């Protein structure tokens, strides 16, 4: 059981880091939307390609038209924070109960 508890704890840490990194990529995408970045810049293209599939799904699911205001990054950030707190917290708690 100790090995599985350690595995769950390691998985929780990896998920925590992955969600945190993606959270910062979403924030970078929101900041880039305020300026006019070079669309051929490799960093800008990476940020766009990494975030657009998720943001597009959220935009498609939103029934509201807010006059051009895109709130999809806010919704994704809130979902990531929920995922981080709930999933990572559950994995850490489960791993501690097995140690």
PDB file of N, CA and C in Angstrom:
ATOM      1  N   UNK A   1       0.811  -1.204   0.000  1.00  0.00           N
ATOM      2  CA  UNK A   1       0.000   0.000   0.000  1.00  0.00           C
ATOM      3  C   UNK A   1       0.850   1.262   0.000  1.00  0.00           C
ATOM      4  N   UNK A   2       2.012   1.194   0.627  1.00  0.00           N
ATOM      5  CA  UNK A   2       2.884   2.357   0.702  1.00  0.00           C
ATOM      6  C   UNK A   2       3.333   2.798  -0.681  1.00  0.00           C
ATOM      7  N   UNK A   3       3.612   1.829  -1.556  1.00  0.00           N
ATOM      8  CA  UNK A   3       4.060   2.157  -2.914  1.00  0.00           C
ATOM      9  C   UNK A   3       2.943   2.854  -3.677  1.00  0.00           C
ATOM     10  N   UNK A   4       1.722   2.353  -3.558  1.00  0.00           N
ATOM     11  CA  UNK A   4       0.600   2.986  -4.253  1.00  0.00           C
ATOM     12  C   UNK A   4       0.312   4.376  -3.686  1.00  0.00           C
ATOM     13  N   UNK A   5       0.486   4.545  -2.381  1.00  0.00           N
ATOM     14  CA  UNK A   5       0.319   5.868  -1.778  1.00  0.00           C
ATOM     15  C   UNK A   5       1.351   6.848  -2.297  1.00  0.00           C
ATOM     16  N   UNK A   6       2.593   6.388  -2.427  1.00  0.00           N
ATOM     17  CA  UNK A   6       3.636   7.251  -2.997  1.00  0.00           C
ATOM     18  C   UNK A   6       3.347   7.589  -4.454  1.00  0.00           C
ATOM     19  N   UNK A   7       2.838   6.588  -5.189  1.00  0.00           N
ATOM     20  CA  UNK A   7       2.484   6.838  -6.589  1.00  0.00           C
ATOM     21  C   UNK A   7       1.393   7.901  -6.697  1.00  0.00           C
ATOM     22  N   UNK A   8       0.360   7.801  -5.866  1.00  0.00           N
ATOM     23  CA  UNK A   8      -0.724   8.787  -5.902  1.00  0.00           C
ATOM     24  C   UNK A   8      -0.238  10.171  -5.524  1.00  0.00           C
ATOM     25  N   UNK A   9       0.675  10.237  -4.554  1.00  0.00           N
ATOM     26  CA  UNK A   9       1.216  11.535  -4.165  1.00  0.00           C
ATOM     27  C   UNK A   9       2.031  12.141  -5.306  1.00  0.00           C
ATOM     28  N   UNK A  10       2.860  11.317  -5.961  1.00  0.00           N
ATOM     29  CA  UNK A  10       3.649  11.799  -7.101  1.00  0.00           C
ATOM     30  C   UNK A  10       2.732  12.236  -8.242  1.00  0.00           C
ATOM     31  N   UNK A  11       1.671  11.488  -8.480  1.00  0.00           N
ATOM     32  CA  UNK A  11       0.707  11.858  -9.513  1.00  0.00           C
ATOM     33  C   UNK A  11       0.040  13.188  -9.171  1.00  0.00           C
ATOM     34  N   UNK A  12      -0.277  13.397  -7.907  1.00  0.00           N
ATOM     35  CA  UNK A  12      -0.883  14.665  -7.475  1.00  0.00           C
ATOM     36  C   UNK A  12       0.065  15.826  -7.724  1.00  0.00           C
ATOM     37  N   UNK A  13       1.344  15.636  -7.457  1.00  0.00           N
ATOM     38  CA  UNK A  13       2.321  16.700  -7.681  1.00  0.00           C
ATOM     39  C   UNK A  13       2.442  17.019  -9.169  1.00  0.00           C
ATOM     40  N   UNK A  14       2.488  15.992 -10.003  1.00  0.00           N
ATOM     41  CA  UNK A  14       2.597  16.211 -11.445  1.00  0.00           C
ATOM     42  C   UNK A  14       1.354  16.916 -11.985  1.00  0.00           C
ATOM     43  N   UNK A  15       0.182  16.487 -11.548  1.00  0.00           N
ATOM     44  CA  UNK A  15      -1.066  17.136 -11.987  1.00  0.00           C
ATOM     45  C   UNK A  15      -1.093  18.578 -11.507  1.00  0.00           C
ATOM     46  N   UNK A  16      -0.651  18.829 -10.294  1.00  0.00           N
ATOM     47  CA  UNK A  16      -0.606  20.186  -9.755  1.00  0.00           C
ATOM     48  C   UNK A  16       0.285  21.086 -10.608  1.00  0.00           C
ATOM     49  N   UNK A  17       1.483  20.609 -10.942  1.00  0.00           N
ATOM     50  CA  UNK A  17       2.389  21.400 -11.786  1.00  0.00           C
ATOM     51  C   UNK A  17       1.813  21.612 -13.189  1.00  0.00           C
ATOM     52  N   UNK A  18       1.224  20.565 -13.768  1.00  0.00           N
ATOM     53  CA  UNK A  18       0.663  20.689 -15.121  1.00  0.00           C
ATOM     54  C   UNK A  18      -0.476  21.705 -15.152  1.00  0.00           C
ATOM     55  N   UNK A  19      -1.346  21.660 -14.157  1.00  0.00           N
ATOM     56  CA  UNK A  19      -2.465  22.611 -14.107  1.00  0.00           C
ATOM     57  C   UNK A  19      -1.939  24.025 -13.886  1.00  0.00           C
ATOM     58  N   UNK A  20      -0.934  24.185 -13.037  1.00  0.00           N
ATOM     59  CA  UNK A  20      -0.361  25.507 -12.787  1.00  0.00           C
ATOM     60  C   UNK A  20       0.276  26.079 -14.050  1.00  0.00           C
ATOM     61  N   UNK A  21       1.009  25.260 -14.768  1.00  0.00           N
ATOM     62  CA  UNK A  21       1.639  25.729 -16.013  1.00  0.00           C
ATOM     63  C   UNK A  21       0.576  26.129 -17.024  1.00  0.00           C
ATOM     64  N   UNK A  22      -0.459  25.296 -17.178  1.00  0.00           N
ATOM     65  CA  UNK A  22      -1.514  25.626 -18.143  1.00  0.00           C
ATOM     66  C   UNK A  22      -2.282  26.872 -17.708  1.00  0.00           C
ATOM     67  N   UNK A  23      -2.429  27.054 -16.408  1.00  0.00           N
ATOM     68  CA  UNK A  23      -3.073  28.268 -15.896  1.00  0.00           C
ATOM     69  C   UNK A  23      -2.298  29.506 -16.336  1.00  0.00           C
ATOM     70  N   UNK A  24      -0.971  29.469 -16.235  1.00  0.00           N
ATOM     71  CA  UNK A  24      -0.152  30.600 -16.662  1.00  0.00           C
ATOM     72  C   UNK A  24      -0.178  30.793 -18.172  1.00  0.00           C
ATOM     73  N   UNK A  25      -0.316  29.713 -18.925  1.00  0.00           N
ATOM     74  CA  UNK A  25      -0.432  29.840 -20.383  1.00  0.00           C
ATOM     75  C   UNK A  25      -1.753  30.523 -20.745  1.00  0.00           C
ATOM     76  N   UNK A  26      -2.826  30.178 -20.043  1.00  0.00           N
ATOM     77  CA  UNK A  26      -4.125  30.845 -20.265  1.00  0.00           C
ATOM     78  C   UNK A  26      -4.019  32.324 -19.910  1.00  0.00           C
ATOM     79  N   UNK A  27      -3.357  32.646 -18.811  1.00  0.00           N
ATOM     80  CA  UNK A  27      -3.175  34.052 -18.425  1.00  0.00           C
ATOM     81  C   UNK A  27      -2.361  34.792 -19.476  1.00  0.00           C
ATOM     82  N   UNK A  28      -1.309  34.150 -19.986  1.00  0.00           N
ATOM     83  CA  UNK A  28      -0.508  34.773 -21.045  1.00  0.00           C
ATOM     84  C   UNK A  28      -1.356  35.013 -22.286  1.00  0.00           C
ATOM     85  N   UNK A  29      -2.238  34.093 -22.608  1.00  0.00           N
ATOM     86  CA  UNK A  29      -3.124  34.262 -23.768  1.00  0.00           C
ATOM     87  C   UNK A  29      -4.055  35.454 -23.561  1.00  0.00           C
ATOM     88  N   UNK A  30      -4.575  35.607 -22.347  1.00  0.00           N
ATOM     89  CA  UNK A  30      -5.462  36.740 -22.067  1.00  0.00           C
ATOM     90  C   UNK A  30      -4.701  38.056 -22.178  1.00  0.00           C
ATOM     91  N   UNK A  31      -3.476  38.094 -21.661  1.00  0.00           N
ATOM     92  CA  UNK A  31      -2.672  39.324 -21.752  1.00  0.00           C
ATOM     93  C   UNK A  31      -2.330  39.628 -23.207  1.00  0.00           C
ATOM     94  N   UNK A  32      -2.014  38.598 -23.977  1.00  0.00           N
ATOM     95  CA  UNK A  32      -1.696  38.816 -25.396  1.00  0.00           C
ATOM     96  C   UNK A  32      -2.898  39.341 -26.174  1.00  0.00           C
ATOM     97  N   UNK A  33      -4.101  39.037 -25.709  1.00  0.00           N
ATOM     98  CA  UNK A  33      -5.282  39.522 -26.425  1.00  0.00           C
ATOM     99  C   UNK A  33      -5.460  41.029 -26.270  1.00  0.00           C
ATOM    100  N   UNK A  34      -4.782  41.630 -25.296  1.00  0.00           N
ATOM    101  CA  UNK A  34      -4.881  43.069 -25.092  1.00  0.00           C
ATOM    102  C   UNK A  34      -3.978  43.844 -26.044  1.00  0.00           C
ATOM    103  N   UNK A  35      -2.971  43.182 -26.578  1.00  0.00           N
ATOM    104  CA  UNK A  35      -2.030  43.835 -27.487  1.00  0.00           C
ATOM    105  C   UNK A  35      -2.147  43.180 -28.852  1.00  0.00           C
ATOM    106  N   UNK A  36      -1.352  43.641 -29.764  1.00  0.00           N
ATOM    107  CA  UNK A  36      -1.365  43.109 -31.114  1.00  0.00           C
ATOM    108  C   UNK A  36      -0.046  42.383 -31.376  1.00  0.00           C
ATOM    109  N   UNK A  37       0.068  41.129 -30.912  1.00  0.00           N
ATOM    110  CA  UNK A  37       1.349  40.439 -31.065  1.00  0.00           C
ATOM    111  C   UNK A  37       1.551  39.968 -32.503  1.00  0.00           C
ATOM    112  N   UNK A  38       2.794  39.725 -32.841  1.00  0.00           N
ATOM    113  CA  UNK A  38       3.135  39.193 -34.156  1.00  0.00           C
ATOM    114  C   UNK A  38       2.608  37.762 -34.244  1.00  0.00           C
ATOM    115  N   UNK A  39       1.678  37.475 -35.149  1.00  0.00           N
ATOM    116  CA  UNK A  39       1.101  36.123 -35.207  1.00  0.00           C
ATOM    117  C   UNK A  39       2.096  35.062 -35.677  1.00  0.00           C
ATOM    118  N   UNK A  40       3.221  35.480 -36.221  1.00  0.00           N
ATOM    119  CA  UNK A  40       4.226  34.516 -36.683  1.00  0.00           C
ATOM    120  C   UNK A  40       5.303  34.242 -35.644  1.00  0.00           C
ATOM    121  N   UNK A  41       5.218  34.904 -34.502  1.00  0.00           N
ATOM    122  CA  UNK A  41       6.151  34.657 -33.418  1.00  0.00           C
ATOM    123  C   UNK A  41       5.899  33.241 -32.883  1.00  0.00           C
ATOM    124  N   UNK A  42       6.949  32.428 -32.749  1.00  0.00           N
ATOM    125  CA  UNK A  42       6.729  31.042 -32.305  1.00  0.00           C
ATOM    126  C   UNK A  42       6.112  30.925 -30.909  1.00  0.00           C
ATOM    127  N   UNK A  43       6.429  31.840 -30.028  1.00  0.00           N
ATOM    128  CA  UNK A  43       5.847  31.793 -28.681  1.00  0.00           C
ATOM    129  C   UNK A  43       4.359  32.111 -28.737  1.00  0.00           C
ATOM    130  N   UNK A  44       4.004  33.117 -29.517  1.00  0.00           N
ATOM    131  CA  UNK A  44       2.594  33.487 -29.671  1.00  0.00           C
ATOM    132  C   UNK A  44       1.825  32.343 -30.315  1.00  0.00           C
ATOM    133  N   UNK A  45       2.419  31.699 -31.311  1.00  0.00           N
ATOM    134  CA  UNK A  45       1.753  30.572 -31.975  1.00  0.00           C
ATOM    135  C   UNK A  45       1.574  29.404 -31.022  1.00  0.00           C
ATOM    136  N   UNK A  46       2.600  29.132 -30.184  1.00  0.00           N
ATOM    137  CA  UNK A  46       2.483  28.049 -29.213  1.00  0.00           C
ATOM    138  C   UNK A  46       1.352  28.332 -28.222  1.00  0.00           C
ATOM    139  N   UNK A  47       1.319  29.555 -27.693  1.00  0.00           N
ATOM    140  CA  UNK A  47       0.274  29.908 -26.720  1.00  0.00           C
ATOM    141  C   UNK A  47      -1.104  29.788 -27.353  1.00  0.00           C
ATOM    142  N   UNK A  48      -1.237  30.260 -28.573  1.00  0.00           N
ATOM    143  CA  UNK A  48      -2.519  30.169 -29.268  1.00  0.00           C
ATOM    144  C   UNK A  48      -2.909  28.713 -29.513  1.00  0.00           C
ATOM    145  N   UNK A  49      -1.978  27.919 -30.007  1.00  0.00           N
ATOM    146  CA  UNK A  49      -2.281  26.514 -30.304  1.00  0.00           C
ATOM    147  C   UNK A  49      -2.552  25.697 -29.043  1.00  0.00           C
ATOM    148  N   UNK A  50      -1.932  26.066 -27.935  1.00  0.00           N
ATOM    149  CA  UNK A  50      -2.131  25.325 -26.684  1.00  0.00           C
ATOM    150  C   UNK A  50      -3.440  25.675 -25.995  1.00  0.00           C
ATOM    151  N   UNK A  51      -3.960  26.862 -26.244  1.00  0.00           N
ATOM    152  CA  UNK A  51      -5.154  27.304 -25.520  1.00  0.00           C
ATOM    153  C   UNK A  51      -6.425  27.333 -26.361  1.00  0.00           C
ATOM    154  N   UNK A  52      -6.290  27.472 -27.651  1.00  0.00           N
ATOM    155  CA  UNK A  52      -7.474  27.655 -28.488  1.00  0.00           C
ATOM    156  C   UNK A  52      -8.457  26.488 -28.446  1.00  0.00           C
ATOM    157  N   UNK A  53      -8.011  25.220 -28.428  1.00  0.00           N
ATOM    158  CA  UNK A  53      -9.019  24.146 -28.361  1.00  0.00           C
ATOM    159  C   UNK A  53      -9.910  24.230 -27.124  1.00  0.00           C
ATOM    160  N   UNK A  54      -9.345  24.545 -25.985  1.00  0.00           N
ATOM    161  CA  UNK A  54     -10.136  24.641 -24.752  1.00  0.00           C
ATOM    162  C   UNK A  54     -10.999  25.895 -24.773  1.00  0.00           C
ATOM    163  N   UNK A  55     -10.400  27.020 -25.132  1.00  0.00           N
ATOM    164  CA  UNK A  55     -11.157  28.275 -25.147  1.00  0.00           C
ATOM    165  C   UNK A  55     -12.280  28.235 -26.179  1.00  0.00           C
ATOM    166  N   UNK A  56     -12.043  27.599 -27.305  1.00  0.00           N
ATOM    167  CA  UNK A  56     -13.077  27.511 -28.345  1.00  0.00           C
ATOM    168  C   UNK A  56     -14.280  26.707 -27.845  1.00  0.00           C
ATOM    169  N   UNK A  57     -14.023  25.615 -27.142  1.00  0.00           N
ATOM    170  CA  UNK A  57     -15.137  24.815 -26.595  1.00  0.00           C
ATOM    171  C   UNK A  57     -15.944  25.608 -25.576  1.00  0.00           C
ATOM    172  N   UNK A  58     -15.257  26.373 -24.750  1.00  0.00           N
ATOM    173  CA  UNK A  58     -15.966  27.175 -23.746  1.00  0.00           C
ATOM    174  C   UNK A  58     -16.766  28.270 -24.443  1.00  0.00           C
ATOM    175  N   UNK A  59     -16.169  28.935 -25.438  1.00  0.00           N
ATOM    176  CA  UNK A  59     -16.894  29.983 -26.177  1.00  0.00           C
ATOM    177  C   UNK A  59     -18.133  29.425 -26.854  1.00  0.00           C
ATOM    178  N   UNK A  60     -18.019  28.231 -27.405  1.00  0.00           N
ATOM    179  CA  UNK A  60     -19.150  27.615 -28.096  1.00  0.00           C
ATOM    180  C   UNK A  60     -20.260  27.256 -27.111  1.00  0.00           C
ATOM    181  N   UNK A  61     -19.893  26.913 -25.869  1.00  0.00           N
ATOM    182  CA  UNK A  61     -20.880  26.529 -24.868  1.00  0.00           C
ATOM    183  C   UNK A  61     -21.545  27.729 -24.198  1.00  0.00           C
ATOM    184  N   UNK A  62     -20.934  28.906 -24.292  1.00  0.00           N
ATOM    185  CA  UNK A  62     -21.508  30.091 -23.656  1.00  0.00           C
ATOM    186  C   UNK A  62     -22.684  30.622 -24.463  1.00  0.00           C
ATOM    187  N   UNK A  63     -23.841  30.736 -23.838  1.00  0.00           N
ATOM    188  CA  UNK A  63     -24.996  31.252 -24.579  1.00  0.00           C
ATOM    189  C   UNK A  63     -25.036  32.783 -24.613  1.00  0.00           C
ATOM    190  N   UNK A  64     -24.173  33.414 -23.847  1.00  0.00           N
ATOM    191  CA  UNK A  64     -24.237  34.860 -23.708  1.00  0.00           C
ATOM    192  C   UNK A  64     -23.451  35.574 -24.793  1.00  0.00           C
ATOM    193  N   UNK A  65     -23.994  36.664 -25.271  1.00  0.00           N
ATOM    194  CA  UNK A  65     -23.240  37.560 -26.139  1.00  0.00           C
ATOM    195  C   UNK A  65     -22.992  38.822 -25.334  1.00  0.00           C
ATOM    196  N   UNK A  66     -21.750  39.029 -24.974  1.00  0.00           N
ATOM    197  CA  UNK A  66     -21.414  40.150 -24.108  1.00  0.00           C
ATOM    198  C   UNK A  66     -20.816  41.311 -24.889  1.00  0.00           C
ATOM    199  N   UNK A  67     -21.211  41.463 -26.115  1.00  0.00           N
ATOM    200  CA  UNK A  67     -20.751  42.591 -26.911  1.00  0.00           C
ATOM    201  C   UNK A  67     -19.269  42.547 -27.240  1.00  0.00           C
ATOM    202  N   UNK A  68     -18.752  41.360 -27.514  1.00  0.00           N
ATOM    203  CA  UNK A  68     -17.351  41.238 -27.884  1.00  0.00           C
ATOM    204  C   UNK A  68     -16.418  40.953 -26.723  1.00  0.00           C
ATOM    205  N   UNK A  69     -16.943  40.944 -25.505  1.00  0.00           N
ATOM    206  CA  UNK A  69     -16.125  40.636 -24.338  1.00  0.00           C
ATOM    207  C   UNK A  69     -15.993  39.123 -24.216  1.00  0.00           C
ATOM    208  N   UNK A  70     -14.767  38.646 -24.233  1.00  0.00           N
ATOM    209  CA  UNK A  70     -14.501  37.209 -24.161  1.00  0.00           C
ATOM    210  C   UNK A  70     -14.201  36.827 -22.721  1.00  0.00           C
ATOM    211  N   UNK A  71     -15.143  36.132 -22.089  1.00  0.00           N
ATOM    212  CA  UNK A  71     -14.943  35.707 -20.707  1.00  0.00           C
ATOM    213  C   UNK A  71     -14.500  34.251 -20.620  1.00  0.00           C
ATOM    214  N   UNK A  72     -14.230  33.629 -21.754  1.00  0.00           N
ATOM    215  CA  UNK A  72     -13.829  32.218 -21.731  1.00  0.00           C
ATOM    216  C   UNK A  72     -12.534  31.989 -20.953  1.00  0.00           C
ATOM    217  N   UNK A  73     -11.518  32.884 -21.008  1.00  0.00           N
ATOM    218  CA  UNK A  73     -10.342  32.631 -20.165  1.00  0.00           C
ATOM    219  C   UNK A  73     -10.663  32.631 -18.671  1.00  0.00           C
ATOM    220  N   UNK A  74     -11.594  33.476 -18.246  1.00  0.00           N
ATOM    221  CA  UNK A  74     -11.969  33.521 -16.836  1.00  0.00           C
ATOM    222  C   UNK A  74     -12.631  32.212 -16.422  1.00  0.00           C
ATOM    223  N   UNK A  75     -13.492  31.691 -17.273  1.00  0.00           N
ATOM    224  CA  UNK A  75     -14.172  30.435 -16.972  1.00  0.00           C
ATOM    225  C   UNK A  75     -13.176  29.282 -16.933  1.00  0.00           C
ATOM    226  N   UNK A  76     -12.234  29.268 -17.876  1.00  0.00           N
ATOM    227  CA  UNK A  76     -11.220  28.203 -17.895  1.00  0.00           C
ATOM    228  C   UNK A  76     -10.320  28.313 -16.666  1.00  0.00           C
ATOM    229  N   UNK A  77      -9.957  29.520 -16.277  1.00  0.00           N
ATOM    230  CA  UNK A  77      -9.120  29.697 -15.086  1.00  0.00           C
ATOM    231  C   UNK A  77      -9.854  29.204 -13.843  1.00  0.00           C
ATOM    232  N   UNK A  78     -11.126  29.523 -13.723  1.00  0.00           N
ATOM    233  CA  UNK A  78     -11.893  29.043 -12.568  1.00  0.00           C
ATOM    234  C   UNK A  78     -12.001  27.518 -12.580  1.00  0.00           C
ATOM    235  N   UNK A  79     -12.196  26.934 -13.756  1.00  0.00           N
ATOM    236  CA  UNK A  79     -12.264  25.471 -13.856  1.00  0.00           C
ATOM    237  C   UNK A  79     -10.926  24.833 -13.499  1.00  0.00           C
ATOM    238  N   UNK A  80      -9.833  25.453 -13.915  1.00  0.00           N
ATOM    239  CA  UNK A  80      -8.504  24.919 -13.576  1.00  0.00           C
ATOM    240  C   UNK A  80      -8.235  25.005 -12.078  1.00  0.00           C
ATOM    241  N   UNK A  81      -8.640  26.099 -11.462  1.00  0.00           N
ATOM    242  CA  UNK A  81      -8.461  26.233 -10.009  1.00  0.00           C
ATOM    243  C   UNK A  81      -9.302  25.192  -9.275  1.00  0.00           C
ATOM    244  N   UNK A  82     -10.527  24.984  -9.735  1.00  0.00           N
ATOM    245  CA  UNK A  82     -11.370  23.941  -9.139  1.00  0.00           C
ATOM    246  C   UNK A  82     -10.719  22.579  -9.301  1.00  0.00           C
ATOM    247  N   UNK A  83     -10.247  22.290 -10.502  1.00  0.00           N
ATOM    248  CA  UNK A  83      -9.587  21.015 -10.762  1.00  0.00           C
ATOM    249  C   UNK A  83      -8.364  20.839  -9.877  1.00  0.00           C
ATOM    250  N   UNK A  84      -7.607  21.903  -9.741  1.00  0.00           N
ATOM    251  CA  UNK A  84      -6.404  21.848  -8.924  1.00  0.00           C
ATOM    252  C   UNK A  84      -6.746  21.571  -7.460  1.00  0.00           C
ATOM    253  N   UNK A  85      -7.709  22.289  -6.940  1.00  0.00           N
ATOM    254  CA  UNK A  85      -8.062  22.116  -5.528  1.00  0.00           C
ATOM    255  C   UNK A  85      -8.734  20.771  -5.277  1.00  0.00           C
ATOM    256  N   UNK A  86      -9.674  20.394  -6.129  1.00  0.00           N
ATOM    257  CA  UNK A  86     -10.445  19.178  -5.904  1.00  0.00           C
ATOM    258  C   UNK A  86      -9.636  17.924  -6.225  1.00  0.00           C
ATOM    259  N   UNK A  87      -9.106  17.835  -7.433  1.00  0.00           N
ATOM    260  CA  UNK A  87      -8.416  16.621  -7.856  1.00  0.00           C
ATOM    261  C   UNK A  87      -7.104  16.428  -7.108  1.00  0.00           C
ATOM    262  N   UNK A  88      -6.298  17.475  -7.064  1.00  0.00           N
ATOM    263  CA  UNK A  88      -5.012  17.359  -6.380  1.00  0.00           C
ATOM    264  C   UNK A  88      -5.224  17.134  -4.884  1.00  0.00           C
ATOM    265  N   UNK A  89      -6.150  17.855  -4.293  1.00  0.00           N
ATOM    266  CA  UNK A  89      -6.436  17.648  -2.871  1.00  0.00           C
ATOM    267  C   UNK A  89      -6.933  16.248  -2.587  1.00  0.00           C
ATOM    268  N   UNK A  90      -7.782  15.720  -3.464  1.00  0.00           N
ATOM    269  CA  UNK A  90      -8.283  14.357  -3.270  1.00  0.00           C
ATOM    270  C   UNK A  90      -7.173  13.334  -3.414  1.00  0.00           C
ATOM    271  N   UNK A  91      -6.307  13.524  -4.404  1.00  0.00           N
ATOM    272  CA  UNK A  91      -5.192  12.586  -4.591  1.00  0.00           C
ATOM    273  C   UNK A  91      -4.216  12.621  -3.406  1.00  0.00           C
ATOM    274  N   UNK A  92      -3.939  13.818  -2.901  1.00  0.00           N
ATOM    275  CA  UNK A  92      -3.043  13.930  -1.748  1.00  0.00           C
ATOM    276  C   UNK A  92      -3.685  13.291  -0.522  1.00  0.00           C
ATOM    277  N   UNK A  93      -4.960  13.545  -0.284  1.00  0.00           N
ATOM    278  CA  UNK A  93      -5.638  12.942   0.854  1.00  0.00           C
ATOM    279  C   UNK A  93      -5.700  11.422   0.756  1.00  0.00           C
ATOM    280  N   UNK A  94      -5.955  10.917  -0.432  1.00  0.00           N
ATOM    281  CA  UNK A  94      -5.981   9.475  -0.629  1.00  0.00           C
ATOM    282  C   UNK A  94      -4.598   8.855  -0.431  1.00  0.00           C
ATOM    283  N   UNK A  95      -3.587   9.553  -0.938  1.00  0.00           N
ATOM    284  CA  UNK A  95      -2.229   9.012  -0.778  1.00  0.00           C
ATOM    285  C   UNK A  95      -1.800   9.015   0.689  1.00  0.00           C
ATOM    286  N   UNK A  96      -2.198  10.023   1.436  1.00  0.00           N
ATOM    287  CA  UNK A  96      -1.839  10.073   2.870  1.00  0.00           C
ATOM    288  C   UNK A  96      -2.548   8.984   3.662  1.00  0.00           C
ATOM    289  N   UNK A  97      -3.753   8.650   3.241  1.00  0.00           N
ATOM    290  CA  UNK A  97      -4.482   7.594   3.958  1.00  0.00           C
ATOM    291  C   UNK A  97      -3.876   6.214   3.681  1.00  0.00           C
ATOM    292  N   UNK A  98      -3.117   6.101   2.607  1.00  0.00           N
ATOM    293  CA  UNK A  98      -2.502   4.812   2.266  1.00  0.00           C
ATOM    294  C   UNK A  98      -1.082   4.682   2.809  1.00  0.00           C
ATOM    295  N   UNK A  99      -0.542   5.748   3.347  1.00  0.00           N
ATOM    296  CA  UNK A  99       0.839   5.688   3.850  1.00  0.00           C
ATOM    297  C   UNK A  99       0.876   5.248   5.282  1.00  0.00           C
TER     298      UNK A  99
END
